[in-house]
C-alpha atoms as a PDB file:
ATOM      1  CA  MET A   1       0.000   0.000   0.000  1.00  0.00           C
ATOM      2  CA  LYS A   2       2.710   2.490   0.957  1.00  0.00           C
ATOM      3  CA  GLN A   3       4.674   1.574  -2.168  1.00  0.00           C
ATOM      4  CA  ILE A   4       1.746   2.825  -4.239  1.00  0.00           C
ATOM      5  CA  LEU A   5       0.981   5.803  -2.030  1.00  0.00           C
ATOM      6  CA  LEU A   6       4.477   7.328  -1.977  1.00  0.00           C
ATOM      7  CA  PRO A   7       4.807   7.947  -5.739  1.00  0.00           C
ATOM      8  CA  VAL A   8       1.263   9.277  -5.805  1.00  0.00           C
ATOM      9  CA  LEU A   9       2.063  11.758  -3.036  1.00  0.00           C
ATOM     10  CA  HIS A  10       5.149  12.945  -4.923  1.00  0.00           C
ATOM     11  CA  VAL A  11       2.884  13.861  -7.837  1.00  0.00           C
ATOM     12  CA  VAL A  12      -0.078  15.202  -5.874  1.00  0.00           C
ATOM     13  CA  ILE A  13       1.840  17.489  -3.493  1.00  0.00           C
ATOM     14  CA  PRO A  14       3.422  19.628  -6.276  1.00  0.00           C
ATOM     15  CA  LEU A  15       0.015  19.802  -7.958  1.00  0.00           C
ATOM     16  CA  PHE A  16      -1.536  21.125  -4.760  1.00  0.00           C
ATOM     17  CA  LYS A  17       1.241  23.714  -4.419  1.00  0.00           C
ATOM     18  CA  CYS A  18       0.671  24.885  -7.993  1.00  0.00           C
ATOM     19  CA  ASN A  19      -3.071  24.992  -7.404  1.00  0.00           C
ATOM     20  CA  ILE A  20      -2.615  27.168  -4.314  1.00  0.00           C
ATOM     21  CA  LYS A  21      -0.302  29.553  -6.199  1.00  0.00           C
ATOM     22  CA  PHE A  22      -2.841  29.937  -9.011  1.00  0.00           C
ATOM     23  CA  ASN A  23      -5.662  30.551  -6.542  1.00  0.00           C
ATOM     24  CA  PHE A  24      -3.774  33.331  -4.727  1.00  0.00           C
ATOM     25  CA  SER A  25      -2.578  35.091  -7.880  1.00  0.00           C
END
């Protein structure tokens, strides 16, 4: 389970950061 979750988190976290930047700008 963690082996699947870790790569997914590495993709999702940058997406969330980009989403937050777009929302504030």
